[in-house]
Protein backbone atom coordinates (compact mmCIF):
# COMPACT_ATOMS: atom_id res chain seq x y z
CA MET A 1 0.14 0.15 0.15
CA ASP A 2 1.36 3.66 -0.88
CA ARG A 3 2.54 5.70 2.54
CA ARG A 4 0.74 8.80 1.02
CA ARG A 5 -2.70 6.78 1.13
CA ILE A 6 -1.79 5.09 4.50
CA GLU A 7 -1.24 8.94 5.99
CA GLN A 8 -4.42 10.18 4.49
CA TRP A 9 -6.48 7.60 5.59
CA THR A 10 -4.99 7.57 9.00
CA ALA A 11 -4.98 11.46 8.93
CA SER A 12 -9.11 11.41 7.73
CA LEU A 13 -9.35 8.80 10.48
CA ALA A 14 -8.02 10.75 12.95
CA VAL A 15 -9.71 13.79 12.05
CA LEU A 16 -13.31 11.74 12.37
CA LEU A 17 -12.40 10.79 15.39
CA LEU A 18 -11.61 14.10 17.17
CA ALA A 19 -14.44 15.61 15.92
CA PHE A 20 -16.76 12.93 17.33
CA MET A 21 -14.86 13.27 20.54
CA THR A 22 -15.09 16.98 20.81
CA ILE A 23 -18.82 16.51 20.33
CA GLY A 24 -19.07 13.93 23.20
CA GLY A 25 -16.92 15.68 25.44
CA ILE A 26 -19.13 19.01 25.44
CA LEU A 27 -22.09 17.04 25.91
CA ALA A 28 -20.40 14.91 29.02
CA ILE A 29 -19.28 18.54 30.60
CA ALA A 30 -22.61 19.58 29.99
CA ASN A 31 -24.17 16.29 31.28
CA GLY A 32 -21.77 17.03 34.76
CA ILE A 33 -22.52 20.41 34.85
CA PHE A 34 -26.05 20.55 34.64
CA ASN A 35 -26.62 17.04 36.58
CA TRP A 36 -29.18 16.33 32.85
CA ASP A 37 -28.38 12.51 33.44
CA ILE A 38 -29.19 11.60 29.57
CA PHE A 39 -28.19 8.14 29.88
CA PRO A 40 -28.59 5.61 32.65
CA PRO A 41 -25.26 5.13 34.84
CA ASP A 42 -24.40 1.34 32.64
CA ILE A 43 -24.62 3.05 29.19
CA GLU A 44 -22.65 6.10 30.33
CA LYS A 45 -19.81 3.47 31.12
CA PHE A 46 -19.63 2.54 27.86
CA ILE A 47 -19.88 5.95 26.45
CA TRP A 48 -16.89 6.45 28.17
CA PHE A 49 -15.44 3.36 26.96
CA ILE A 50 -15.69 4.36 23.34
CA LEU A 51 -14.22 7.94 23.99
CA ALA A 52 -11.37 6.14 25.68
CA SER A 53 -10.87 3.94 22.67
CA CYS A 54 -11.45 6.81 20.11
CA ALA A 55 -8.63 8.83 22.08
CA VAL A 56 -6.24 5.76 21.73
CA ILE A 57 -7.05 5.04 17.80
CA ILE A 58 -6.26 8.94 17.41
CA VAL A 59 -3.02 8.80 19.37
CA ALA A 60 -2.10 5.58 17.15
CA SER A 61 -3.56 7.41 13.75
CA VAL A 62 -0.68 10.39 14.62
CA LEU A 63 1.77 7.82 15.63
CA VAL A 64 1.48 6.35 12.26
CA ASN A 65 1.53 9.66 10.09
CA ILE A 66 4.61 11.40 12.29
CA MET A 67 6.46 7.49 11.28
CA ILE A 68 5.05 7.49 7.33
CA ASN A 69 6.12 11.23 7.06
CA LEU A 70 9.50 10.78 8.46
CA SER A 71 10.06 8.25 6.18
CA ILE A 72 8.97 10.25 3.29
CA ILE A 73 11.79 13.37 4.93
CA ALA A 74 14.14 10.26 4.59
CA ILE A 75 13.33 9.08 1.42
CA ASN A 76 13.29 12.51 -0.25
CA SER A 77 16.51 13.79 1.24
CA ASP A 78 17.93 10.62 0.07
CA LEU A 79 16.76 11.87 -3.39
CA ILE A 80 17.98 15.34 -2.72
CA ARG A 81 21.54 14.25 -1.66
CA GLU A 82 22.18 12.18 -4.78
CA ARG A 83 20.86 14.35 -7.10
CA LYS A 84 23.05 17.36 -5.47
CA GLU A 85 26.19 14.59 -5.96
CA GLU A 86 25.11 13.74 -9.51
CA HIS A 87 25.26 17.86 -10.09
CA GLU A 88 28.33 18.13 -8.46
CA ARG A 89 30.26 15.06 -10.54
CA ARG A 90 28.77 16.74 -14.08
CA SER A 91 29.97 20.11 -13.00
CA LYS A 92 33.37 18.60 -12.30
CA LYS A 93 33.58 17.17 -15.49
CA THR A 94 33.15 20.31 -17.46
């Protein structure tokens, strides 16, 4: 699979889950402040589990993006170095 495609997929996943967590976090804070009791305690535990799971997936997605981008940077720097060396060899011959 292409690195750029993986990067795009994980970045999109992280952004979507972050939006979901933002809405869930706002509702959780409002629920705590206003004592709404929107959900029964058992369902609230499950919702907190889902939010925590989303947080773990977001962190993993960000780490994957960082690793892929570092890999892409390394590959591109090697290409730049090779082109520079090739250019220097050509300029010495003339």
